[in-house]
Amino acid sequence: MMRGYLSVRSTCPVCGEALHHHRADDGPAYLTILIVGHLMAPILLFAFVKWRPDPMVLATILSIGTVAVSLFLLPRLKGAMVGLQWAKRMHGFGHVDNS
Protein backbone atom coordinates (compact mmCIF):
# COMPACT_ATOMS: atom_id res chain seq x y z
CA MET A 1 0.00 0.00 0.00
CA MET A 2 2.84 2.41 0.78
CA ARG A 3 5.10 3.63 -2.01
CA GLY A 4 7.62 5.36 0.25
CA TYR A 5 7.93 6.13 3.92
CA LEU A 6 4.61 8.01 4.12
CA SER A 7 3.33 8.20 0.56
CA VAL A 8 0.40 5.97 -0.33
CA ARG A 9 0.23 4.41 -3.79
CA SER A 10 -2.55 5.60 -6.06
CA THR A 11 -3.76 1.99 -6.47
CA CYS A 12 -3.08 -1.27 -4.65
CA PRO A 13 -0.55 -3.35 -6.63
CA VAL A 14 -2.27 -6.61 -5.60
CA CYS A 15 -6.02 -6.01 -5.92
CA GLY A 16 -6.18 -2.75 -7.88
CA GLU A 17 -8.20 -0.87 -5.23
CA ALA A 18 -7.98 2.89 -5.77
CA LEU A 19 -6.19 4.54 -2.85
CA HIS A 20 -5.69 8.02 -4.29
CA HIS A 21 -8.63 9.54 -2.42
CA HIS A 22 -7.58 8.67 1.11
CA ARG A 23 -7.76 11.50 3.65
CA ALA A 24 -5.31 10.54 6.42
CA ASP A 25 -4.00 14.14 6.71
CA ASP A 26 -2.89 14.87 10.30
CA GLY A 27 -4.53 11.85 11.96
CA PRO A 28 -1.45 9.59 11.96
CA ALA A 29 0.78 12.37 13.29
CA TYR A 30 -1.69 13.17 16.07
CA LEU A 31 -1.96 9.50 17.07
CA THR A 32 1.83 9.14 16.99
CA ILE A 33 2.27 12.11 19.32
CA LEU A 34 -0.46 10.78 21.61
CA ILE A 35 1.03 7.28 21.87
CA VAL A 36 4.68 8.35 22.14
CA GLY A 37 3.83 10.96 24.75
CA HIS A 38 1.98 8.42 26.85
CA LEU A 39 4.88 5.98 26.55
CA MET A 40 7.73 8.40 27.24
CA ALA A 41 6.24 10.38 30.14
CA PRO A 42 6.16 7.42 32.57
CA ILE A 43 9.61 6.33 31.40
CA LEU A 44 10.93 9.82 32.09
CA LEU A 45 9.42 9.86 35.57
CA PHE A 46 10.61 6.36 36.42
CA ALA A 47 14.17 6.95 35.17
CA PHE A 48 14.48 10.26 36.99
CA VAL A 49 13.16 8.91 40.31
CA LYS A 50 15.04 5.60 40.16
CA TRP A 51 18.50 6.63 38.92
CA ARG A 52 18.66 10.48 39.08
CA PRO A 53 20.78 10.81 35.90
CA ASP A 54 22.20 14.09 34.70
CA PRO A 55 19.35 16.01 32.98
CA MET A 56 21.30 16.30 29.73
CA VAL A 57 21.92 12.54 29.62
CA LEU A 58 18.26 11.83 30.33
CA ALA A 59 17.11 14.33 27.69
CA THR A 60 19.48 12.85 25.11
CA ILE A 61 18.42 9.26 25.75
CA LEU A 62 14.71 10.07 25.79
CA SER A 63 15.02 12.24 22.66
CA ILE A 64 16.63 9.37 20.76
CA GLY A 65 13.94 7.00 22.05
CA THR A 66 11.16 9.41 21.14
CA VAL A 67 12.44 9.87 17.59
CA ALA A 68 12.94 6.11 17.14
CA VAL A 69 9.45 5.20 18.36
CA SER A 70 7.89 8.02 16.31
CA LEU A 71 9.66 6.91 13.13
CA PHE A 72 8.53 3.34 13.78
CA LEU A 73 4.88 4.20 14.47
CA LEU A 74 4.15 6.92 11.91
CA PRO A 75 3.92 4.82 8.70
CA ARG A 76 2.08 2.03 10.50
CA LEU A 77 -0.51 4.44 11.88
CA LYS A 78 -0.91 6.02 8.44
CA GLY A 79 -1.57 2.57 6.97
CA ALA A 80 -4.03 1.84 9.78
CA MET A 81 -5.83 5.13 9.15
CA VAL A 82 -6.15 4.44 5.42
CA GLY A 83 -7.26 0.87 6.22
CA LEU A 84 -9.90 2.16 8.64
CA GLN A 85 -11.19 4.54 5.98
CA TRP A 86 -11.35 1.65 3.51
CA ALA A 87 -13.16 -0.62 6.02
CA LYS A 88 -15.72 2.08 6.87
CA ARG A 89 -16.09 3.05 3.17
CA MET A 90 -15.14 6.66 3.92
CA HIS A 91 -13.87 9.38 1.56
CA GLY A 92 -14.67 7.68 -1.73
CA PHE A 93 -13.68 4.10 -0.88
CA GLY A 94 -17.25 2.83 -1.26
CA HIS A 95 -19.47 3.20 -4.27
CA VAL A 96 -22.46 5.50 -3.97
CA ASP A 97 -25.78 3.90 -4.92
CA ASN A 98 -28.33 6.62 -5.77
CA SER A 99 -31.25 4.30 -6.50
PDB file of N, CA and C in Angstrom:
ATOM      1  N   MET A   1       0.820  -1.186   0.000  1.00  0.00           N
ATOM      2  CA  MET A   1       0.000   0.000   0.000  1.00  0.00           C
ATOM      3  C   MET A   1       0.873   1.262   0.000  1.00  0.00           C
ATOM      4  N   MET A   2       1.983   1.232   0.692  1.00  0.00           N
ATOM      5  CA  MET A   2       2.837   2.406   0.780  1.00  0.00           C
ATOM      6  C   MET A   2       3.886   2.375  -0.333  1.00  0.00           C
ATOM      7  N   ARG A   3       4.088   3.515  -0.965  1.00  0.00           N
ATOM      8  CA  ARG A   3       5.102   3.631  -2.007  1.00  0.00           C
ATOM      9  C   ARG A   3       6.437   4.034  -1.408  1.00  0.00           C
ATOM     10  N   GLY A   4       6.410   4.909  -0.434  1.00  0.00           N
ATOM     11  CA  GLY A   4       7.620   5.360   0.248  1.00  0.00           C
ATOM     12  C   GLY A   4       7.396   5.272   1.746  1.00  0.00           C
ATOM     13  N   TYR A   5       8.059   6.151   2.466  1.00  0.00           N
ATOM     14  CA  TYR A   5       7.930   6.128   3.918  1.00  0.00           C
ATOM     15  C   TYR A   5       6.520   6.507   4.354  1.00  0.00           C
ATOM     16  N   LEU A   6       5.959   7.564   3.771  1.00  0.00           N
ATOM     17  CA  LEU A   6       4.611   8.006   4.119  1.00  0.00           C
ATOM     18  C   LEU A   6       3.680   8.157   2.928  1.00  0.00           C
ATOM     19  N   SER A   7       4.186   8.004   1.726  1.00  0.00           N
ATOM     20  CA  SER A   7       3.327   8.200   0.562  1.00  0.00           C
ATOM     21  C   SER A   7       2.568   6.918   0.237  1.00  0.00           C
ATOM     22  N   VAL A   8       1.286   7.098  -0.006  1.00  0.00           N
ATOM     23  CA  VAL A   8       0.401   5.974  -0.327  1.00  0.00           C
ATOM     24  C   VAL A   8       0.314   5.852  -1.841  1.00  0.00           C
ATOM     25  N   ARG A   9       0.362   4.642  -2.350  1.00  0.00           N
ATOM     26  CA  ARG A   9       0.235   4.410  -3.792  1.00  0.00           C
ATOM     27  C   ARG A   9      -1.144   4.866  -4.264  1.00  0.00           C
ATOM     28  N   SER A  10      -1.250   5.178  -5.535  1.00  0.00           N
ATOM     29  CA  SER A  10      -2.552   5.596  -6.059  1.00  0.00           C
ATOM     30  C   SER A  10      -3.501   4.408  -6.198  1.00  0.00           C
ATOM     31  N   THR A  11      -2.953   3.208  -6.433  1.00  0.00           N
ATOM     32  CA  THR A  11      -3.764   1.991  -6.468  1.00  0.00           C
ATOM     33  C   THR A  11      -2.992   0.863  -5.790  1.00  0.00           C
ATOM     34  N   CYS A  12      -3.707  -0.108  -5.274  1.00  0.00           N
ATOM     35  CA  CYS A  12      -3.078  -1.273  -4.649  1.00  0.00           C
ATOM     36  C   CYS A  12      -2.457  -2.144  -5.741  1.00  0.00           C
ATOM     37  N   PRO A  13      -1.185  -2.539  -5.592  1.00  0.00           N
ATOM     38  CA  PRO A  13      -0.551  -3.355  -6.631  1.00  0.00           C
ATOM     39  C   PRO A  13      -1.098  -4.785  -6.683  1.00  0.00           C
ATOM     40  N   VAL A  14      -1.764  -5.233  -5.641  1.00  0.00           N
ATOM     41  CA  VAL A  14      -2.266  -6.607  -5.605  1.00  0.00           C
ATOM     42  C   VAL A  14      -3.689  -6.701  -6.129  1.00  0.00           C
ATOM     43  N   CYS A  15      -4.605  -5.882  -5.566  1.00  0.00           N
ATOM     44  CA  CYS A  15      -6.018  -6.015  -5.924  1.00  0.00           C
ATOM     45  C   CYS A  15      -6.530  -4.910  -6.829  1.00  0.00           C
ATOM     46  N   GLY A  16      -5.755  -3.827  -7.003  1.00  0.00           N
ATOM     47  CA  GLY A  16      -6.175  -2.748  -7.883  1.00  0.00           C
ATOM     48  C   GLY A  16      -7.108  -1.733  -7.239  1.00  0.00           C
ATOM     49  N   GLU A  17      -7.339  -1.835  -5.934  1.00  0.00           N
ATOM     50  CA  GLU A  17      -8.199  -0.871  -5.230  1.00  0.00           C
ATOM     51  C   GLU A  17      -7.603   0.527  -5.338  1.00  0.00           C
ATOM     52  N   ALA A  18      -8.439   1.497  -5.667  1.00  0.00           N
ATOM     53  CA  ALA A  18      -7.984   2.890  -5.766  1.00  0.00           C
ATOM     54  C   ALA A  18      -7.733   3.428  -4.363  1.00  0.00           C
ATOM     55  N   LEU A  19      -6.556   3.985  -4.155  1.00  0.00           N
ATOM     56  CA  LEU A  19      -6.188   4.541  -2.852  1.00  0.00           C
ATOM     57  C   LEU A  19      -5.913   6.040  -2.923  1.00  0.00           C
ATOM     58  N   HIS A  20      -6.080   6.622  -4.097  1.00  0.00           N
ATOM     59  CA  HIS A  20      -5.689   8.017  -4.288  1.00  0.00           C
ATOM     60  C   HIS A  20      -6.553   8.999  -3.525  1.00  0.00           C
ATOM     61  N   HIS A  21      -7.721   8.612  -3.080  1.00  0.00           N
ATOM     62  CA  HIS A  21      -8.632   9.544  -2.425  1.00  0.00           C
ATOM     63  C   HIS A  21      -8.626   9.437  -0.909  1.00  0.00           C
ATOM     64  N   HIS A  22      -7.642   8.772  -0.345  1.00  0.00           N
ATOM     65  CA  HIS A  22      -7.585   8.670   1.114  1.00  0.00           C
ATOM     66  C   HIS A  22      -7.405  10.048   1.730  1.00  0.00           C
ATOM     67  N   ARG A  23      -7.854  10.220   2.968  1.00  0.00           N
ATOM     68  CA  ARG A  23      -7.758  11.498   3.655  1.00  0.00           C
ATOM     69  C   ARG A  23      -7.153  11.300   5.038  1.00  0.00           C
ATOM     70  N   ALA A  24      -5.951  10.776   5.123  1.00  0.00           N
ATOM     71  CA  ALA A  24      -5.314  10.543   6.418  1.00  0.00           C
ATOM     72  C   ALA A  24      -4.869  11.860   7.051  1.00  0.00           C
ATOM     73  N   ASP A  25      -4.397  12.805   6.263  1.00  0.00           N
ATOM     74  CA  ASP A  25      -3.997  14.138   6.710  1.00  0.00           C
ATOM     75  C   ASP A  25      -3.178  14.105   7.993  1.00  0.00           C
ATOM     76  N   ASP A  26      -3.659  14.753   9.056  1.00  0.00           N
ATOM     77  CA  ASP A  26      -2.894  14.875  10.300  1.00  0.00           C
ATOM     78  C   ASP A  26      -3.220  13.785  11.319  1.00  0.00           C
ATOM     79  N   GLY A  27      -4.132  12.897  11.011  1.00  0.00           N
ATOM     80  CA  GLY A  27      -4.528  11.854  11.958  1.00  0.00           C
ATOM     81  C   GLY A  27      -3.382  10.976  12.434  1.00  0.00           C
ATOM     82  N   PRO A  28      -2.565  10.426  11.525  1.00  0.00           N
ATOM     83  CA  PRO A  28      -1.451   9.590  11.963  1.00  0.00           C
ATOM     84  C   PRO A  28      -0.435  10.334  12.827  1.00  0.00           C
ATOM     85  N   ALA A  29      -0.166  11.585  12.483  1.00  0.00           N
ATOM     86  CA  ALA A  29       0.784  12.368  13.293  1.00  0.00           C
ATOM     87  C   ALA A  29       0.225  12.621  14.685  1.00  0.00           C
ATOM     88  N   TYR A  30      -1.063  12.940  14.771  1.00  0.00           N
ATOM     89  CA  TYR A  30      -1.690  13.166  16.068  1.00  0.00           C
ATOM     90  C   TYR A  30      -1.646  11.893  16.918  1.00  0.00           C
ATOM     91  N   LEU A  31      -1.988  10.767  16.325  1.00  0.00           N
ATOM     92  CA  LEU A  31      -1.962   9.501  17.066  1.00  0.00           C
ATOM     93  C   LEU A  31      -0.544   9.129  17.493  1.00  0.00           C
ATOM     94  N   THR A  32       0.438   9.411  16.642  1.00  0.00           N
ATOM     95  CA  THR A  32       1.829   9.136  16.993  1.00  0.00           C
ATOM     96  C   THR A  32       2.249   9.961  18.202  1.00  0.00           C
ATOM     97  N   ILE A  33       1.935  11.253  18.188  1.00  0.00           N
ATOM     98  CA  ILE A  33       2.274  12.114  19.323  1.00  0.00           C
ATOM     99  C   ILE A  33       1.572  11.629  20.581  1.00  0.00           C
ATOM    100  N   LEU A  34       0.316  11.258  20.463  1.00  0.00           N
ATOM    101  CA  LEU A  34      -0.458  10.780  21.613  1.00  0.00           C
ATOM    102  C   LEU A  34       0.160   9.516  22.214  1.00  0.00           C
ATOM    103  N   ILE A  35       0.481   8.555  21.380  1.00  0.00           N
ATOM    104  CA  ILE A  35       1.029   7.284  21.867  1.00  0.00           C
ATOM    105  C   ILE A  35       2.437   7.467  22.424  1.00  0.00           C
ATOM    106  N   VAL A  36       3.288   8.164  21.684  1.00  0.00           N
ATOM    107  CA  VAL A  36       4.675   8.348  22.136  1.00  0.00           C
ATOM    108  C   VAL A  36       4.713   9.166  23.423  1.00  0.00           C
ATOM    109  N   GLY A  37       3.888  10.174  23.520  1.00  0.00           N
ATOM    110  CA  GLY A  37       3.834  10.962  24.748  1.00  0.00           C
ATOM    111  C   GLY A  37       3.412  10.144  25.950  1.00  0.00           C
ATOM    112  N   HIS A  38       2.437   9.272  25.751  1.00  0.00           N
ATOM    113  CA  HIS A  38       1.976   8.422  26.847  1.00  0.00           C
ATOM    114  C   HIS A  38       2.975   7.313  27.184  1.00  0.00           C
ATOM    115  N   LEU A  39       3.827   6.958  26.257  1.00  0.00           N
ATOM    116  CA  LEU A  39       4.881   5.980  26.552  1.00  0.00           C
ATOM    117  C   LEU A  39       6.086   6.625  27.234  1.00  0.00           C
ATOM    118  N   MET A  40       6.489   7.790  26.758  1.00  0.00           N
ATOM    119  CA  MET A  40       7.727   8.402  27.237  1.00  0.00           C
ATOM    120  C   MET A  40       7.578   9.120  28.582  1.00  0.00           C
ATOM    121  N   ALA A  41       6.413   9.660  28.870  1.00  0.00           N
ATOM    122  CA  ALA A  41       6.240  10.382  30.139  1.00  0.00           C
ATOM    123  C   ALA A  41       6.463   9.483  31.351  1.00  0.00           C
ATOM    124  N   PRO A  42       5.876   8.290  31.414  1.00  0.00           N
ATOM    125  CA  PRO A  42       6.162   7.421  32.569  1.00  0.00           C
ATOM    126  C   PRO A  42       7.613   6.950  32.611  1.00  0.00           C
ATOM    127  N   ILE A  43       8.205   6.733  31.436  1.00  0.00           N
ATOM    128  CA  ILE A  43       9.614   6.330  31.405  1.00  0.00           C
ATOM    129  C   ILE A  43      10.491   7.443  31.953  1.00  0.00           C
ATOM    130  N   LEU A  44      10.193   8.675  31.579  1.00  0.00           N
ATOM    131  CA  LEU A  44      10.934   9.822  32.092  1.00  0.00           C
ATOM    132  C   LEU A  44      10.825   9.909  33.610  1.00  0.00           C
ATOM    133  N   LEU A  45       9.627   9.792  34.125  1.00  0.00           N
ATOM    134  CA  LEU A  45       9.418   9.862  35.571  1.00  0.00           C
ATOM    135  C   LEU A  45      10.130   8.727  36.295  1.00  0.00           C
ATOM    136  N   PHE A  46       9.981   7.518  35.787  1.00  0.00           N
ATOM    137  CA  PHE A  46      10.614   6.362  36.423  1.00  0.00           C
ATOM    138  C   PHE A  46      12.130   6.486  36.420  1.00  0.00           C
ATOM    139  N   ALA A  47      12.703   6.838  35.278  1.00  0.00           N
ATOM    140  CA  ALA A  47      14.165   6.949  35.171  1.00  0.00           C
ATOM    141  C   ALA A  47      14.696   8.049  36.083  1.00  0.00           C
ATOM    142  N   PHE A  48      13.998   9.163  36.166  1.00  0.00           N
ATOM    143  CA  PHE A  48      14.479  10.262  36.990  1.00  0.00           C
ATOM    144  C   PHE A  48      14.392   9.917  38.477  1.00  0.00           C
ATOM    145  N   VAL A  49      13.319   9.271  38.893  1.00  0.00           N
ATOM    146  CA  VAL A  49      13.158   8.915  40.311  1.00  0.00           C
ATOM    147  C   VAL A  49      14.096   7.780  40.698  1.00  0.00           C
ATOM    148  N   LYS A  50      14.248   6.791  39.831  1.00  0.00           N
ATOM    149  CA  LYS A  50      15.038   5.602  40.161  1.00  0.00           C
ATOM    150  C   LYS A  50      16.545   5.863  40.142  1.00  0.00           C
ATOM    151  N   TRP A  51      17.056   6.510  39.088  1.00  0.00           N
ATOM    152  CA  TRP A  51      18.501   6.628  38.917  1.00  0.00           C
ATOM    153  C   TRP A  51      19.049   8.049  39.045  1.00  0.00           C
ATOM    154  N   ARG A  52      18.223   9.075  38.989  1.00  0.00           N
ATOM    155  CA  ARG A  52      18.660  10.475  39.075  1.00  0.00           C
ATOM    156  C   ARG A  52      19.830  10.792  38.131  1.00  0.00           C
ATOM    157  N   PRO A  53      19.673  10.508  36.822  1.00  0.00           N
ATOM    158  CA  PRO A  53      20.776  10.811  35.898  1.00  0.00           C
ATOM    159  C   PRO A  53      20.897  12.316  35.680  1.00  0.00           C
ATOM    160  N   ASP A  54      22.004  12.694  35.090  1.00  0.00           N
ATOM    161  CA  ASP A  54      22.197  14.092  34.702  1.00  0.00           C
ATOM    162  C   ASP A  54      21.078  14.467  33.726  1.00  0.00           C
ATOM    163  N   PRO A  55      20.466  15.638  33.867  1.00  0.00           N
ATOM    164  CA  PRO A  55      19.352  16.008  32.984  1.00  0.00           C
ATOM    165  C   PRO A  55      19.699  15.966  31.494  1.00  0.00           C
ATOM    166  N   MET A  56      20.920  16.326  31.140  1.00  0.00           N
ATOM    167  CA  MET A  56      21.301  16.303  29.728  1.00  0.00           C
ATOM    168  C   MET A  56      21.380  14.870  29.197  1.00  0.00           C
ATOM    169  N   VAL A  57      21.864  13.948  30.008  1.00  0.00           N
ATOM    170  CA  VAL A  57      21.917  12.540  29.621  1.00  0.00           C
ATOM    171  C   VAL A  57      20.506  11.996  29.444  1.00  0.00           C
ATOM    172  N   LEU A  58      19.639  12.307  30.402  1.00  0.00           N
ATOM    173  CA  LEU A  58      18.257  11.835  30.330  1.00  0.00           C
ATOM    174  C   LEU A  58      17.549  12.416  29.106  1.00  0.00           C
ATOM    175  N   ALA A  59      17.747  13.700  28.850  1.00  0.00           N
ATOM    176  CA  ALA A  59      17.110  14.334  27.694  1.00  0.00           C
ATOM    177  C   ALA A  59      17.615  13.729  26.385  1.00  0.00           C
ATOM    178  N   THR A  60      18.909  13.438  26.319  1.00  0.00           N
ATOM    179  CA  THR A  60      19.478  12.852  25.105  1.00  0.00           C
ATOM    180  C   THR A  60      18.920  11.451  24.858  1.00  0.00           C
ATOM    181  N   ILE A  61      18.912  10.634  25.887  1.00  0.00           N
ATOM    182  CA  ILE A  61      18.416   9.256  25.745  1.00  0.00           C
ATOM    183  C   ILE A  61      16.936   9.243  25.389  1.00  0.00           C
ATOM    184  N   LEU A  62      16.144  10.057  26.077  1.00  0.00           N
ATOM    185  CA  LEU A  62      14.709  10.074  25.787  1.00  0.00           C
ATOM    186  C   LEU A  62      14.411  10.713  24.430  1.00  0.00           C
ATOM    187  N   SER A  63      15.223  11.655  23.997  1.00  0.00           N
ATOM    188  CA  SER A  63      15.025  12.235  22.660  1.00  0.00           C
ATOM    189  C   SER A  63      15.276  11.202  21.572  1.00  0.00           C
ATOM    190  N   ILE A  64      16.336  10.431  21.735  1.00  0.00           N
ATOM    191  CA  ILE A  64      16.625   9.369  20.763  1.00  0.00           C
ATOM    192  C   ILE A  64      15.503   8.327  20.774  1.00  0.00           C
ATOM    193  N   GLY A  65      15.040   7.948  21.950  1.00  0.00           N
ATOM    194  CA  GLY A  65      13.938   6.997  22.053  1.00  0.00           C
ATOM    195  C   GLY A  65      12.652   7.528  21.448  1.00  0.00           C
ATOM    196  N   THR A  66      12.370   8.803  21.685  1.00  0.00           N
ATOM    197  CA  THR A  66      11.162   9.415  21.140  1.00  0.00           C
ATOM    198  C   THR A  66      11.196   9.450  19.615  1.00  0.00           C
ATOM    199  N   VAL A  67      12.314   9.836  19.053  1.00  0.00           N
ATOM    200  CA  VAL A  67      12.445   9.874  17.595  1.00  0.00           C
ATOM    201  C   VAL A  67      12.328   8.466  17.007  1.00  0.00           C
ATOM    202  N   ALA A  68      12.979   7.490  17.645  1.00  0.00           N
ATOM    203  CA  ALA A  68      12.944   6.113  17.138  1.00  0.00           C
ATOM    204  C   ALA A  68      11.521   5.546  17.158  1.00  0.00           C
ATOM    205  N   VAL A  69      10.820   5.724  18.258  1.00  0.00           N
ATOM    206  CA  VAL A  69       9.453   5.198  18.362  1.00  0.00           C
ATOM    207  C   VAL A  69       8.532   5.940  17.395  1.00  0.00           C
ATOM    208  N   SER A  70       8.723   7.245  17.245  1.00  0.00           N
ATOM    209  CA  SER A  70       7.895   8.018  16.312  1.00  0.00           C
ATOM    210  C   SER A  70       8.110   7.565  14.874  1.00  0.00           C
ATOM    211  N   LEU A  71       9.367   7.367  14.490  1.00  0.00           N
ATOM    212  CA  LEU A  71       9.656   6.913  13.129  1.00  0.00           C
ATOM    213  C   LEU A  71       9.126   5.506  12.879  1.00  0.00           C
ATOM    214  N   PHE A  72       9.085   4.683  13.918  1.00  0.00           N
ATOM    215  CA  PHE A  72       8.533   3.338  13.783  1.00  0.00           C
ATOM    216  C   PHE A  72       7.013   3.387  13.633  1.00  0.00           C
ATOM    217  N   LEU A  73       6.349   4.205  14.431  1.00  0.00           N
ATOM    218  CA  LEU A  73       4.884   4.205  14.468  1.00  0.00           C
ATOM    219  C   LEU A  73       4.224   4.956  13.321  1.00  0.00           C
ATOM    220  N   LEU A  74       4.822   6.034  12.852  1.00  0.00           N
ATOM    221  CA  LEU A  74       4.147   6.921  11.909  1.00  0.00           C
ATOM    222  C   LEU A  74       3.655   6.221  10.639  1.00  0.00           C
ATOM    223  N   PRO A  75       4.467   5.464   9.907  1.00  0.00           N
ATOM    224  CA  PRO A  75       3.918   4.825   8.695  1.00  0.00           C
ATOM    225  C   PRO A  75       2.895   3.740   9.017  1.00  0.00           C
ATOM    226  N   ARG A  76       3.043   3.063  10.130  1.00  0.00           N
ATOM    227  CA  ARG A  76       2.075   2.026  10.504  1.00  0.00           C
ATOM    228  C   ARG A  76       0.724   2.639  10.848  1.00  0.00           C
ATOM    229  N   LEU A  77       0.747   3.769  11.550  1.00  0.00           N
ATOM    230  CA  LEU A  77      -0.509   4.441  11.881  1.00  0.00           C
ATOM    231  C   LEU A  77      -1.150   5.059  10.647  1.00  0.00           C
ATOM    232  N   LYS A  78      -0.346   5.504   9.693  1.00  0.00           N
ATOM    233  CA  LYS A  78      -0.910   6.016   8.444  1.00  0.00           C
ATOM    234  C   LYS A  78      -1.586   4.884   7.681  1.00  0.00           C
ATOM    235  N   GLY A  79      -0.948   3.725   7.614  1.00  0.00           N
ATOM    236  CA  GLY A  79      -1.568   2.573   6.973  1.00  0.00           C
ATOM    237  C   GLY A  79      -2.841   2.144   7.685  1.00  0.00           C
ATOM    238  N   ALA A  80      -2.831   2.193   9.008  1.00  0.00           N
ATOM    239  CA  ALA A  80      -4.030   1.840   9.779  1.00  0.00           C
ATOM    240  C   ALA A  80      -5.156   2.834   9.525  1.00  0.00           C
ATOM    241  N   MET A  81      -4.814   4.107   9.402  1.00  0.00           N
ATOM    242  CA  MET A  81      -5.828   5.129   9.151  1.00  0.00           C
ATOM    243  C   MET A  81      -6.451   4.952   7.767  1.00  0.00           C
ATOM    244  N   VAL A  82      -5.626   4.681   6.769  1.00  0.00           N
ATOM    245  CA  VAL A  82      -6.150   4.438   5.423  1.00  0.00           C
ATOM    246  C   VAL A  82      -6.968   3.145   5.414  1.00  0.00           C
ATOM    247  N   GLY A  83      -6.512   2.119   6.123  1.00  0.00           N
ATOM    248  CA  GLY A  83      -7.261   0.873   6.221  1.00  0.00           C
ATOM    249  C   GLY A  83      -8.600   1.047   6.912  1.00  0.00           C
ATOM    250  N   LEU A  84      -8.633   1.880   7.947  1.00  0.00           N
ATOM    251  CA  LEU A  84      -9.897   2.162   8.645  1.00  0.00           C
ATOM    252  C   LEU A  84     -10.861   2.890   7.710  1.00  0.00           C
ATOM    253  N   GLN A  85     -10.338   3.831   6.942  1.00  0.00           N
ATOM    254  CA  GLN A  85     -11.195   4.536   5.984  1.00  0.00           C
ATOM    255  C   GLN A  85     -11.735   3.564   4.938  1.00  0.00           C
ATOM    256  N   TRP A  86     -10.895   2.634   4.491  1.00  0.00           N
ATOM    257  CA  TRP A  86     -11.351   1.645   3.513  1.00  0.00           C
ATOM    258  C   TRP A  86     -12.421   0.742   4.123  1.00  0.00           C
ATOM    259  N   ALA A  87     -12.204   0.291   5.373  1.00  0.00           N
ATOM    260  CA  ALA A  87     -13.158  -0.618   6.017  1.00  0.00           C
ATOM    261  C   ALA A  87     -14.509   0.052   6.279  1.00  0.00           C
ATOM    262  N   LYS A  88     -14.480   1.336   6.585  1.00  0.00           N
ATOM    263  CA  LYS A  88     -15.723   2.078   6.869  1.00  0.00           C
ATOM    264  C   LYS A  88     -16.313   2.706   5.609  1.00  0.00           C
ATOM    265  N   ARG A  89     -15.655   2.494   4.457  1.00  0.00           N
ATOM    266  CA  ARG A  89     -16.086   3.051   3.168  1.00  0.00           C
ATOM    267  C   ARG A  89     -16.205   4.577   3.228  1.00  0.00           C
ATOM    268  N   MET A  90     -15.181   5.202   3.778  1.00  0.00           N
ATOM    269  CA  MET A  90     -15.144   6.655   3.924  1.00  0.00           C
ATOM    270  C   MET A  90     -14.350   7.295   2.785  1.00  0.00           C
ATOM    271  N   HIS A  91     -14.645   8.537   2.479  1.00  0.00           N
ATOM    272  CA  HIS A  91     -13.875   9.378   1.559  1.00  0.00           C
ATOM    273  C   HIS A  91     -13.686   8.757   0.183  1.00  0.00           C
ATOM    274  N   GLY A  92     -14.741   8.184  -0.376  1.00  0.00           N
ATOM    275  CA  GLY A  92     -14.665   7.677  -1.734  1.00  0.00           C
ATOM    276  C   GLY A  92     -14.269   6.222  -1.856  1.00  0.00           C
ATOM    277  N   PHE A  93     -14.057   5.515  -0.766  1.00  0.00           N
ATOM    278  CA  PHE A  93     -13.684   4.104  -0.878  1.00  0.00           C
ATOM    279  C   PHE A  93     -14.875   3.222  -1.233  1.00  0.00           C
ATOM    280  N   GLY A  94     -16.062   3.624  -0.907  1.00  0.00           N
ATOM    281  CA  GLY A  94     -17.249   2.831  -1.259  1.00  0.00           C
ATOM    282  C   GLY A  94     -17.931   3.440  -2.461  1.00  0.00           C
ATOM    283  N   HIS A  95     -18.725   2.641  -3.135  1.00  0.00           N
ATOM    284  CA  HIS A  95     -19.475   3.200  -4.272  1.00  0.00           C
ATOM    285  C   HIS A  95     -20.780   3.785  -3.746  1.00  0.00           C
ATOM    286  N   VAL A  96     -21.233   4.842  -4.376  1.00  0.00           N
ATOM    287  CA  VAL A  96     -22.464   5.502  -3.973  1.00  0.00           C
ATOM    288  C   VAL A  96     -23.592   4.980  -4.845  1.00  0.00           C
ATOM    289  N   ASP A  97     -24.637   4.446  -4.204  1.00  0.00           N
ATOM    290  CA  ASP A  97     -25.778   3.896  -4.916  1.00  0.00           C
ATOM    291  C   ASP A  97     -26.917   4.884  -4.769  1.00  0.00           C
ATOM    292  N   ASN A  98     -27.290   5.592  -5.822  1.00  0.00           N
ATOM    293  CA  ASN A  98     -28.330   6.616  -5.770  1.00  0.00           C
ATOM    294  C   ASN A  98     -29.684   6.098  -6.206  1.00  0.00           C
ATOM    295  N   SER A  99     -29.949   4.812  -6.052  1.00  0.00           N
ATOM    296  CA  SER A  99     -31.247   4.296  -6.502  1.00  0.00           C
ATOM    297  C   SER A  99     -32.267   4.303  -5.387  1.00  0.00           C
TER     298      SER A  99
END
